[in-house]
Amino acid sequence: MKTFIVGIGGVTNGGKTTLANNLLKMLPNCSLISQDNYFKPEAEVATDERGFKQFDVLDALEMEAMMSDVHSWITQHKGTEQPKTPQETCETSVHFLIIEGFLLYHYKHLDDVFDQRYFLTVPYEECKKRRSTRVYDPPDPPGYFDGHVWPMYLKHREEMDTLQREIVFLDGTKTEEQILCYVYSDIRRVAS
């Protein structure tokens, strides 16, 4: 079987985790790695001059540990047995890895493994509204979204626009079903 690695990046509360979990259910031979599982302990995350914890930067993440897990998955699935019958479709002869997170395309070693990249966007007001309904540990302090989260997203988005990678941008205000249908069809097309 061959491997196919999909990146699902995007703005906070843009629908990354929902899309990744839905794809995990639909794609055969599929695994999922979430960047949120690699945050450093809060005590190790820098604080800016306003007292805001700097969670929205690469330094807040254990990227080497994440890459170790990605490479373990690749090693485990590279060179596995090929389909035995002509009836097996391309989809069932592929091992899929979905990697979702907010800073996937800013870490070169990770960005280099993707076969396909997606990025979910939502406008400021919608993003702020969605963020306000989520419960975080630690909780967002007053002014955190406008003082840190959104400015960091804009900074990272601007940097991402300079990358020489093909990224499919998705409108996160579309319905969950519309986004899933498009991405699922696109992955099947590209992976075949």
N, C-alpha and C. Protein backbone atom coordinates (compact mmCIF):
# COMPACT_ATOMS: atom_id res chain seq x y z
N MET A 1 0.84 -1.19 0.00
CA MET A 1 0.00 0.00 0.00
C MET A 1 0.87 1.25 0.00
N LYS A 2 0.37 2.29 -0.63
CA LYS A 2 1.09 3.55 -0.60
C LYS A 2 0.54 4.42 0.52
N THR A 3 1.25 5.50 0.82
CA THR A 3 0.80 6.42 1.84
C THR A 3 0.40 7.74 1.21
N PHE A 4 -0.52 8.42 1.88
CA PHE A 4 -0.99 9.72 1.42
C PHE A 4 -1.26 10.56 2.65
N ILE A 5 -0.54 11.68 2.78
CA ILE A 5 -0.61 12.50 3.99
C ILE A 5 -1.28 13.83 3.67
N VAL A 6 -2.33 14.12 4.44
CA VAL A 6 -3.16 15.30 4.22
C VAL A 6 -3.00 16.26 5.39
N GLY A 7 -2.73 17.53 5.09
CA GLY A 7 -2.69 18.58 6.10
C GLY A 7 -4.00 19.35 6.11
N ILE A 8 -4.54 19.55 7.30
CA ILE A 8 -5.73 20.38 7.46
C ILE A 8 -5.38 21.47 8.45
N GLY A 9 -5.04 22.64 7.90
CA GLY A 9 -4.67 23.78 8.71
C GLY A 9 -5.79 24.80 8.71
N GLY A 10 -5.57 25.88 9.45
CA GLY A 10 -6.56 26.93 9.42
C GLY A 10 -6.61 27.75 10.68
N VAL A 11 -7.49 28.72 10.63
CA VAL A 11 -7.71 29.65 11.73
C VAL A 11 -8.31 28.91 12.92
N THR A 12 -8.11 29.47 14.12
CA THR A 12 -8.73 28.91 15.31
C THR A 12 -10.24 28.82 15.13
N ASN A 13 -10.81 27.72 15.54
CA ASN A 13 -12.26 27.48 15.44
C ASN A 13 -12.79 27.55 14.01
N GLY A 14 -11.93 27.21 13.05
CA GLY A 14 -12.33 27.24 11.65
C GLY A 14 -12.97 25.95 11.17
N GLY A 15 -12.91 24.89 11.97
CA GLY A 15 -13.51 23.61 11.58
C GLY A 15 -12.49 22.53 11.27
N LYS A 16 -11.23 22.75 11.64
CA LYS A 16 -10.16 21.78 11.33
C LYS A 16 -10.42 20.41 11.96
N THR A 17 -10.68 20.41 13.25
CA THR A 17 -10.86 19.15 13.98
C THR A 17 -12.11 18.41 13.51
N THR A 18 -13.18 19.14 13.27
CA THR A 18 -14.41 18.53 12.77
C THR A 18 -14.16 17.86 11.43
N LEU A 19 -13.52 18.58 10.52
CA LEU A 19 -13.22 18.01 9.19
C LEU A 19 -12.31 16.80 9.32
N ALA A 20 -11.27 16.91 10.13
CA ALA A 20 -10.32 15.80 10.29
C ALA A 20 -11.02 14.56 10.85
N ASN A 21 -11.86 14.74 11.86
CA ASN A 21 -12.55 13.59 12.45
C ASN A 21 -13.54 12.96 11.48
N ASN A 22 -14.21 13.79 10.67
CA ASN A 22 -15.13 13.25 9.66
C ASN A 22 -14.37 12.47 8.59
N LEU A 23 -13.23 12.98 8.15
CA LEU A 23 -12.42 12.24 7.17
C LEU A 23 -11.90 10.93 7.75
N LEU A 24 -11.54 10.95 9.02
CA LEU A 24 -11.06 9.75 9.69
C LEU A 24 -12.11 8.64 9.63
N LYS A 25 -13.37 9.02 9.77
CA LYS A 25 -14.47 8.04 9.70
C LYS A 25 -14.71 7.54 8.28
N MET A 26 -14.46 8.40 7.28
CA MET A 26 -14.82 8.06 5.90
C MET A 26 -13.71 7.37 5.11
N LEU A 27 -12.46 7.72 5.38
CA LEU A 27 -11.36 7.16 4.60
C LEU A 27 -10.91 5.83 5.21
N PRO A 28 -10.74 4.81 4.39
CA PRO A 28 -10.24 3.54 4.93
C PRO A 28 -8.75 3.67 5.26
N ASN A 29 -8.27 2.82 6.13
CA ASN A 29 -6.84 2.81 6.47
C ASN A 29 -6.36 4.20 6.86
N CYS A 30 -7.10 4.87 7.73
CA CYS A 30 -6.81 6.27 8.03
C CYS A 30 -6.42 6.45 9.49
N SER A 31 -5.43 7.31 9.72
CA SER A 31 -4.99 7.69 11.05
C SER A 31 -5.03 9.21 11.15
N LEU A 32 -5.00 9.71 12.40
CA LEU A 32 -5.10 11.14 12.64
C LEU A 32 -4.08 11.57 13.68
N ILE A 33 -3.39 12.66 13.39
CA ILE A 33 -2.50 13.31 14.35
C ILE A 33 -2.96 14.75 14.48
N SER A 34 -3.19 15.19 15.73
CA SER A 34 -3.64 16.55 16.00
C SER A 34 -2.52 17.35 16.65
N GLN A 35 -2.23 18.51 16.08
CA GLN A 35 -1.18 19.37 16.60
C GLN A 35 -1.47 19.84 18.02
N ASP A 36 -2.74 19.95 18.38
CA ASP A 36 -3.10 20.39 19.73
C ASP A 36 -2.56 19.44 20.80
N ASN A 37 -2.27 18.21 20.46
CA ASN A 37 -1.74 17.25 21.43
C ASN A 37 -0.27 17.48 21.75
N TYR A 38 0.35 18.46 21.12
CA TYR A 38 1.79 18.69 21.28
C TYR A 38 2.12 20.03 21.93
N PHE A 39 1.14 20.65 22.57
CA PHE A 39 1.44 21.89 23.30
C PHE A 39 2.34 21.58 24.48
N LYS A 40 3.30 22.47 24.70
CA LYS A 40 4.16 22.36 25.88
C LYS A 40 3.31 22.66 27.13
N PRO A 41 3.77 22.23 28.31
CA PRO A 41 3.06 22.61 29.53
C PRO A 41 2.98 24.13 29.64
N GLU A 42 1.90 24.62 30.23
CA GLU A 42 1.66 26.07 30.31
C GLU A 42 2.85 26.81 30.90
N ALA A 43 3.51 26.22 31.88
CA ALA A 43 4.64 26.88 32.54
C ALA A 43 5.81 27.11 31.58
N GLU A 44 5.88 26.34 30.49
CA GLU A 44 6.97 26.47 29.53
C GLU A 44 6.63 27.39 28.36
N VAL A 45 5.40 27.90 28.32
CA VAL A 45 4.96 28.77 27.23
C VAL A 45 5.25 30.23 27.62
N ALA A 46 5.90 30.95 26.72
CA ALA A 46 6.29 32.34 26.99
C ALA A 46 5.06 33.23 27.21
N THR A 47 5.27 34.31 27.94
CA THR A 47 4.24 35.32 28.20
C THR A 47 4.74 36.65 27.65
N ASP A 48 3.85 37.38 26.95
CA ASP A 48 4.27 38.68 26.41
C ASP A 48 4.12 39.77 27.47
N GLU A 49 4.45 40.99 27.07
CA GLU A 49 4.44 42.12 28.01
C GLU A 49 3.05 42.44 28.55
N ARG A 50 2.00 41.99 27.88
CA ARG A 50 0.62 42.22 28.35
C ARG A 50 0.13 41.10 29.26
N GLY A 51 0.97 40.08 29.44
CA GLY A 51 0.58 38.95 30.27
C GLY A 51 -0.11 37.84 29.50
N PHE A 52 -0.14 37.94 28.17
CA PHE A 52 -0.78 36.91 27.35
C PHE A 52 0.18 35.76 27.10
N LYS A 53 -0.26 34.55 27.39
CA LYS A 53 0.52 33.36 27.07
C LYS A 53 0.58 33.23 25.55
N GLN A 54 1.75 32.92 25.03
CA GLN A 54 2.00 32.87 23.58
C GLN A 54 1.76 31.46 23.03
N PHE A 55 0.50 31.01 23.11
CA PHE A 55 0.15 29.67 22.64
C PHE A 55 0.09 29.59 21.11
N ASP A 56 -0.03 30.70 20.42
CA ASP A 56 -0.25 30.68 18.97
C ASP A 56 1.04 30.85 18.18
N VAL A 57 2.12 30.27 18.69
CA VAL A 57 3.41 30.31 18.01
C VAL A 57 4.04 28.91 18.05
N LEU A 58 4.95 28.64 17.12
CA LEU A 58 5.58 27.31 17.06
C LEU A 58 6.33 26.96 18.34
N ASP A 59 6.92 27.98 19.01
CA ASP A 59 7.67 27.70 20.24
C ASP A 59 6.81 27.14 21.36
N ALA A 60 5.49 27.25 21.25
CA ALA A 60 4.59 26.70 22.27
C ALA A 60 4.33 25.21 22.05
N LEU A 61 4.87 24.68 20.98
CA LEU A 61 4.60 23.29 20.58
C LEU A 61 5.86 22.43 20.62
N GLU A 62 5.68 21.17 20.94
CA GLU A 62 6.76 20.17 20.88
C GLU A 62 6.80 19.60 19.46
N MET A 63 7.31 20.39 18.52
CA MET A 63 7.28 19.99 17.12
C MET A 63 8.17 18.78 16.83
N GLU A 64 9.27 18.63 17.57
CA GLU A 64 10.13 17.46 17.35
C GLU A 64 9.40 16.18 17.75
N ALA A 65 8.63 16.23 18.82
CA ALA A 65 7.85 15.06 19.24
C ALA A 65 6.78 14.75 18.20
N MET A 66 6.15 15.79 17.68
CA MET A 66 5.14 15.60 16.64
C MET A 66 5.76 14.96 15.41
N MET A 67 6.92 15.48 14.99
CA MET A 67 7.59 14.92 13.82
C MET A 67 8.01 13.47 14.06
N SER A 68 8.40 13.15 15.26
CA SER A 68 8.76 11.77 15.58
C SER A 68 7.56 10.86 15.37
N ASP A 69 6.38 11.30 15.81
CA ASP A 69 5.17 10.49 15.62
C ASP A 69 4.80 10.38 14.13
N VAL A 70 4.98 11.46 13.39
CA VAL A 70 4.69 11.43 11.95
C VAL A 70 5.65 10.46 11.26
N HIS A 71 6.93 10.55 11.58
CA HIS A 71 7.91 9.65 10.94
C HIS A 71 7.68 8.19 11.35
N SER A 72 7.24 7.96 12.58
CA SER A 72 6.91 6.59 13.00
C SER A 72 5.77 6.04 12.16
N TRP A 73 4.75 6.87 11.92
CA TRP A 73 3.63 6.44 11.10
C TRP A 73 4.10 6.14 9.67
N ILE A 74 4.93 7.02 9.12
CA ILE A 74 5.44 6.81 7.75
C ILE A 74 6.23 5.51 7.68
N THR A 75 7.12 5.29 8.63
CA THR A 75 7.94 4.07 8.65
C THR A 75 7.06 2.84 8.76
N GLN A 76 6.04 2.92 9.59
CA GLN A 76 5.14 1.77 9.79
C GLN A 76 4.35 1.43 8.52
N HIS A 77 4.04 2.43 7.71
CA HIS A 77 3.15 2.20 6.57
C HIS A 77 3.85 2.20 5.21
N LYS A 78 5.08 2.64 5.13
CA LYS A 78 5.80 2.60 3.85
C LYS A 78 6.15 1.15 3.52
N GLY A 79 5.96 0.80 2.29
CA GLY A 79 6.40 -0.51 1.83
C GLY A 79 5.57 -1.67 2.34
N THR A 80 4.35 -1.38 2.84
CA THR A 80 3.51 -2.49 3.26
C THR A 80 2.97 -3.19 2.02
N GLU A 81 2.37 -4.31 2.24
CA GLU A 81 1.95 -5.19 1.15
C GLU A 81 1.04 -4.49 0.13
N GLN A 82 1.25 -4.78 -1.12
CA GLN A 82 0.45 -4.22 -2.21
C GLN A 82 -0.88 -4.99 -2.33
N PRO A 83 -1.89 -4.39 -2.97
CA PRO A 83 -3.17 -5.08 -3.15
C PRO A 83 -2.97 -6.43 -3.85
N LYS A 84 -3.75 -7.41 -3.46
CA LYS A 84 -3.61 -8.74 -4.03
C LYS A 84 -4.53 -8.98 -5.22
N THR A 85 -5.62 -8.23 -5.31
CA THR A 85 -6.58 -8.48 -6.38
C THR A 85 -6.83 -7.21 -7.18
N PRO A 86 -7.17 -7.37 -8.45
CA PRO A 86 -7.46 -6.19 -9.27
C PRO A 86 -8.70 -5.44 -8.80
N GLN A 87 -9.57 -6.12 -8.03
CA GLN A 87 -10.80 -5.48 -7.58
C GLN A 87 -10.54 -4.42 -6.50
N GLU A 88 -9.38 -4.48 -5.86
CA GLU A 88 -9.09 -3.50 -4.82
C GLU A 88 -8.90 -2.13 -5.47
N THR A 89 -9.60 -1.16 -4.95
CA THR A 89 -9.51 0.19 -5.52
C THR A 89 -8.27 0.89 -4.98
N CYS A 90 -7.96 1.99 -5.63
CA CYS A 90 -6.83 2.81 -5.17
C CYS A 90 -7.06 3.23 -3.74
N GLU A 91 -8.31 3.62 -3.43
CA GLU A 91 -8.58 4.11 -2.09
C GLU A 91 -8.29 3.07 -1.03
N THR A 92 -8.66 1.81 -1.28
CA THR A 92 -8.43 0.79 -0.26
C THR A 92 -7.00 0.30 -0.25
N SER A 93 -6.20 0.72 -1.21
CA SER A 93 -4.79 0.33 -1.23
C SER A 93 -3.87 1.46 -0.75
N VAL A 94 -4.48 2.46 -0.11
CA VAL A 94 -3.72 3.61 0.38
C VAL A 94 -3.90 3.73 1.90
N HIS A 95 -2.80 4.00 2.60
CA HIS A 95 -2.87 4.36 4.01
C HIS A 95 -2.89 5.88 4.07
N PHE A 96 -3.93 6.44 4.70
CA PHE A 96 -4.07 7.88 4.82
C PHE A 96 -3.66 8.33 6.22
N LEU A 97 -2.97 9.47 6.27
CA LEU A 97 -2.69 10.13 7.53
C LEU A 97 -3.22 11.56 7.42
N ILE A 98 -4.12 11.92 8.34
CA ILE A 98 -4.63 13.27 8.42
C ILE A 98 -3.87 13.96 9.55
N ILE A 99 -3.27 15.10 9.26
CA ILE A 99 -2.61 15.90 10.29
C ILE A 99 -3.33 17.23 10.34
N GLU A 100 -3.87 17.56 11.50
CA GLU A 100 -4.61 18.82 11.61
C GLU A 100 -4.00 19.71 12.68
N GLY A 101 -4.02 21.03 12.38
CA GLY A 101 -3.48 21.98 13.34
C GLY A 101 -3.43 23.38 12.77
N PHE A 102 -3.08 24.31 13.63
CA PHE A 102 -3.13 25.72 13.23
C PHE A 102 -1.82 26.22 12.62
N LEU A 103 -0.70 25.50 12.83
CA LEU A 103 0.58 25.94 12.27
C LEU A 103 1.29 24.79 11.55
N LEU A 104 0.59 24.15 10.66
CA LEU A 104 1.16 23.00 9.95
C LEU A 104 2.17 23.40 8.88
N TYR A 105 1.94 24.51 8.22
CA TYR A 105 2.72 24.84 7.03
C TYR A 105 3.86 25.81 7.33
N HIS A 106 4.13 26.05 8.61
CA HIS A 106 5.20 26.95 9.02
C HIS A 106 6.42 26.20 9.55
N TYR A 107 6.31 24.90 9.64
CA TYR A 107 7.40 24.07 10.14
C TYR A 107 7.87 23.21 8.97
N LYS A 108 8.99 23.56 8.40
CA LYS A 108 9.42 22.97 7.12
C LYS A 108 9.44 21.45 7.14
N HIS A 109 9.97 20.86 8.19
CA HIS A 109 10.06 19.39 8.22
C HIS A 109 8.68 18.74 8.14
N LEU A 110 7.69 19.37 8.75
CA LEU A 110 6.33 18.85 8.67
C LEU A 110 5.72 19.17 7.31
N ASP A 111 5.88 20.39 6.85
CA ASP A 111 5.30 20.79 5.57
C ASP A 111 5.79 19.91 4.43
N ASP A 112 7.02 19.43 4.54
CA ASP A 112 7.59 18.60 3.47
C ASP A 112 6.92 17.24 3.31
N VAL A 113 6.19 16.76 4.32
CA VAL A 113 5.60 15.41 4.22
C VAL A 113 4.23 15.40 3.55
N PHE A 114 3.60 16.55 3.40
CA PHE A 114 2.23 16.57 2.90
C PHE A 114 2.13 16.26 1.41
N ASP A 115 1.14 15.44 1.09
CA ASP A 115 0.78 15.20 -0.31
C ASP A 115 -0.31 16.17 -0.75
N GLN A 116 -1.12 16.62 0.20
CA GLN A 116 -2.19 17.58 -0.09
C GLN A 116 -2.38 18.47 1.14
N ARG A 117 -2.60 19.76 0.89
CA ARG A 117 -2.74 20.73 1.97
C ARG A 117 -4.05 21.50 1.83
N TYR A 118 -4.77 21.62 2.95
CA TYR A 118 -6.01 22.40 3.01
C TYR A 118 -5.87 23.43 4.12
N PHE A 119 -6.58 24.55 3.96
CA PHE A 119 -6.54 25.60 4.97
C PHE A 119 -7.92 26.22 5.08
N LEU A 120 -8.52 26.13 6.28
CA LEU A 120 -9.85 26.66 6.54
C LEU A 120 -9.76 28.10 7.02
N THR A 121 -10.57 28.96 6.43
CA THR A 121 -10.62 30.36 6.81
C THR A 121 -12.04 30.72 7.24
N VAL A 122 -12.15 31.65 8.17
CA VAL A 122 -13.43 32.27 8.52
C VAL A 122 -13.14 33.74 8.81
N PRO A 123 -14.10 34.62 8.57
CA PRO A 123 -13.89 36.04 8.82
C PRO A 123 -13.75 36.33 10.32
N TYR A 124 -13.18 37.47 10.63
CA TYR A 124 -12.91 37.89 12.01
C TYR A 124 -14.13 37.73 12.93
N GLU A 125 -15.25 38.33 12.57
CA GLU A 125 -16.43 38.31 13.46
C GLU A 125 -16.89 36.89 13.74
N GLU A 126 -16.94 36.06 12.72
CA GLU A 126 -17.37 34.66 12.91
C GLU A 126 -16.37 33.91 13.77
N CYS A 127 -15.10 34.14 13.53
CA CYS A 127 -14.06 33.48 14.30
C CYS A 127 -14.15 33.87 15.78
N LYS A 128 -14.31 35.15 16.04
CA LYS A 128 -14.41 35.64 17.42
C LYS A 128 -15.64 35.05 18.10
N LYS A 129 -16.75 34.99 17.39
CA LYS A 129 -17.99 34.42 17.94
C LYS A 129 -17.78 32.94 18.30
N ARG A 130 -17.19 32.19 17.38
CA ARG A 130 -16.95 30.76 17.64
C ARG A 130 -15.99 30.58 18.81
N ARG A 131 -14.95 31.38 18.85
CA ARG A 131 -13.95 31.26 19.93
C ARG A 131 -14.59 31.53 21.29
N SER A 132 -15.52 32.46 21.34
CA SER A 132 -16.14 32.82 22.61
C SER A 132 -17.02 31.70 23.17
N THR A 133 -17.42 30.76 22.33
CA THR A 133 -18.27 29.66 22.80
C THR A 133 -17.47 28.44 23.25
N ARG A 134 -16.16 28.46 23.03
CA ARG A 134 -15.30 27.33 23.39
C ARG A 134 -14.75 27.48 24.80
N VAL A 135 -14.51 26.36 25.44
CA VAL A 135 -13.91 26.36 26.78
C VAL A 135 -12.47 25.89 26.63
N TYR A 136 -11.53 26.73 27.07
CA TYR A 136 -10.11 26.41 26.96
C TYR A 136 -9.52 26.22 28.35
N ASP A 137 -8.47 25.40 28.43
CA ASP A 137 -7.74 25.20 29.68
C ASP A 137 -6.27 25.46 29.40
N PRO A 138 -5.72 26.58 29.84
CA PRO A 138 -6.36 27.61 30.66
C PRO A 138 -7.34 28.45 29.84
N PRO A 139 -8.32 29.07 30.51
CA PRO A 139 -9.29 29.90 29.79
C PRO A 139 -8.65 31.13 29.17
N ASP A 140 -9.24 31.62 28.10
CA ASP A 140 -8.75 32.85 27.48
C ASP A 140 -8.95 34.02 28.44
N PRO A 141 -7.90 34.80 28.73
CA PRO A 141 -8.10 36.00 29.55
C PRO A 141 -8.81 37.07 28.72
N PRO A 142 -9.40 38.07 29.39
CA PRO A 142 -10.07 39.16 28.65
C PRO A 142 -9.11 39.79 27.64
N GLY A 143 -9.60 40.01 26.43
CA GLY A 143 -8.81 40.67 25.39
C GLY A 143 -7.84 39.76 24.66
N TYR A 144 -7.80 38.47 25.00
CA TYR A 144 -6.82 37.56 24.41
C TYR A 144 -7.02 37.37 22.91
N PHE A 145 -8.27 37.24 22.48
CA PHE A 145 -8.53 37.02 21.06
C PHE A 145 -8.01 38.20 20.23
N ASP A 146 -8.42 39.42 20.61
CA ASP A 146 -8.00 40.60 19.85
C ASP A 146 -6.54 40.97 20.08
N GLY A 147 -6.02 40.66 21.27
CA GLY A 147 -4.65 41.06 21.60
C GLY A 147 -3.58 40.07 21.19
N HIS A 148 -3.99 38.82 20.98
CA HIS A 148 -2.98 37.80 20.62
C HIS A 148 -3.44 36.86 19.51
N VAL A 149 -4.57 36.20 19.70
CA VAL A 149 -4.98 35.12 18.78
C VAL A 149 -5.16 35.62 17.35
N TRP A 150 -5.98 36.64 17.15
CA TRP A 150 -6.24 37.12 15.79
C TRP A 150 -5.00 37.77 15.16
N PRO A 151 -4.25 38.62 15.88
CA PRO A 151 -3.04 39.17 15.28
C PRO A 151 -2.02 38.09 14.87
N MET A 152 -1.91 37.03 15.67
CA MET A 152 -0.98 35.95 15.32
C MET A 152 -1.48 35.20 14.09
N TYR A 153 -2.79 35.00 13.99
CA TYR A 153 -3.35 34.36 12.80
C TYR A 153 -3.02 35.18 11.56
N LEU A 154 -3.23 36.50 11.63
CA LEU A 154 -2.95 37.36 10.48
C LEU A 154 -1.47 37.32 10.10
N LYS A 155 -0.60 37.31 11.10
CA LYS A 155 0.85 37.23 10.86
C LYS A 155 1.20 35.91 10.18
N HIS A 156 0.68 34.81 10.72
CA HIS A 156 0.99 33.49 10.15
C HIS A 156 0.39 33.34 8.75
N ARG A 157 -0.79 33.90 8.56
CA ARG A 157 -1.43 33.82 7.24
C ARG A 157 -0.61 34.59 6.20
N GLU A 158 -0.11 35.75 6.58
CA GLU A 158 0.73 36.54 5.67
C GLU A 158 2.00 35.77 5.33
N GLU A 159 2.63 35.16 6.33
CA GLU A 159 3.83 34.35 6.08
C GLU A 159 3.51 33.17 5.17
N MET A 160 2.35 32.56 5.40
CA MET A 160 1.97 31.39 4.61
C MET A 160 1.79 31.75 3.14
N ASP A 161 1.32 32.96 2.88
CA ASP A 161 1.11 33.39 1.50
C ASP A 161 2.42 33.47 0.72
N THR A 162 3.56 33.52 1.42
CA THR A 162 4.86 33.59 0.74
C THR A 162 5.44 32.19 0.46
N LEU A 163 4.82 31.15 1.02
CA LEU A 163 5.34 29.79 0.84
C LEU A 163 5.14 29.33 -0.60
N GLN A 164 6.05 28.54 -1.06
CA GLN A 164 5.97 28.01 -2.42
C GLN A 164 5.30 26.64 -2.42
N ARG A 165 4.17 26.55 -1.78
CA ARG A 165 3.42 25.30 -1.68
C ARG A 165 2.01 25.51 -2.20
N GLU A 166 1.45 24.47 -2.78
CA GLU A 166 0.06 24.56 -3.21
C GLU A 166 -0.84 24.23 -2.02
N ILE A 167 -1.68 25.18 -1.66
CA ILE A 167 -2.60 25.03 -0.54
C ILE A 167 -4.01 25.31 -1.05
N VAL A 168 -4.94 24.42 -0.73
CA VAL A 168 -6.33 24.60 -1.11
C VAL A 168 -7.02 25.34 0.03
N PHE A 169 -7.51 26.54 -0.23
CA PHE A 169 -8.19 27.33 0.78
C PHE A 169 -9.68 26.99 0.78
N LEU A 170 -10.22 26.81 1.98
CA LEU A 170 -11.61 26.41 2.15
C LEU A 170 -12.35 27.47 2.97
N ASP A 171 -13.58 27.73 2.58
CA ASP A 171 -14.43 28.69 3.28
C ASP A 171 -15.07 27.98 4.48
N GLY A 172 -14.58 28.28 5.67
CA GLY A 172 -15.07 27.64 6.88
C GLY A 172 -16.47 28.03 7.29
N THR A 173 -17.10 28.98 6.56
CA THR A 173 -18.49 29.34 6.87
C THR A 173 -19.47 28.45 6.12
N LYS A 174 -18.97 27.63 5.20
CA LYS A 174 -19.85 26.66 4.52
C LYS A 174 -20.23 25.57 5.51
N THR A 175 -21.25 24.80 5.17
CA THR A 175 -21.70 23.77 6.10
C THR A 175 -20.64 22.67 6.22
N GLU A 176 -20.70 21.99 7.35
CA GLU A 176 -19.79 20.87 7.61
C GLU A 176 -19.85 19.85 6.47
N GLU A 177 -21.07 19.58 6.00
CA GLU A 177 -21.26 18.61 4.92
C GLU A 177 -20.65 19.08 3.60
N GLN A 178 -20.81 20.36 3.28
CA GLN A 178 -20.25 20.90 2.04
C GLN A 178 -18.72 20.80 2.05
N ILE A 179 -18.13 21.17 3.17
CA ILE A 179 -16.67 21.13 3.27
C ILE A 179 -16.17 19.70 3.18
N LEU A 180 -16.81 18.80 3.92
CA LEU A 180 -16.41 17.39 3.91
C LEU A 180 -16.55 16.78 2.52
N CYS A 181 -17.66 17.04 1.87
CA CYS A 181 -17.89 16.49 0.52
C CYS A 181 -16.80 16.94 -0.45
N TYR A 182 -16.48 18.23 -0.41
CA TYR A 182 -15.46 18.74 -1.31
C TYR A 182 -14.10 18.10 -1.02
N VAL A 183 -13.68 18.11 0.26
CA VAL A 183 -12.35 17.62 0.60
C VAL A 183 -12.24 16.12 0.37
N TYR A 184 -13.25 15.37 0.75
CA TYR A 184 -13.24 13.92 0.54
C TYR A 184 -13.10 13.59 -0.95
N SER A 185 -13.88 14.26 -1.79
CA SER A 185 -13.79 14.03 -3.24
C SER A 185 -12.43 14.43 -3.78
N ASP A 186 -11.90 15.54 -3.29
CA ASP A 186 -10.60 16.02 -3.74
C ASP A 186 -9.49 15.05 -3.35
N ILE A 187 -9.53 14.56 -2.14
CA ILE A 187 -8.51 13.59 -1.69
C ILE A 187 -8.58 12.33 -2.54
N ARG A 188 -9.76 11.82 -2.77
CA ARG A 188 -9.90 10.62 -3.61
C ARG A 188 -9.33 10.86 -5.01
N ARG A 189 -9.60 12.05 -5.56
CA ARG A 189 -9.11 12.38 -6.91
C ARG A 189 -7.59 12.44 -6.92
N VAL A 190 -7.00 13.15 -5.96
CA VAL A 190 -5.55 13.35 -5.94
C VAL A 190 -4.80 12.08 -5.56
N ALA A 191 -5.37 11.27 -4.67
CA ALA A 191 -4.69 10.07 -4.19
C ALA A 191 -4.76 8.92 -5.19
N SER A 192 -5.65 9.01 -6.17
CA SER A 192 -5.79 7.88 -7.12
C SER A 192 -4.70 7.88 -8.17
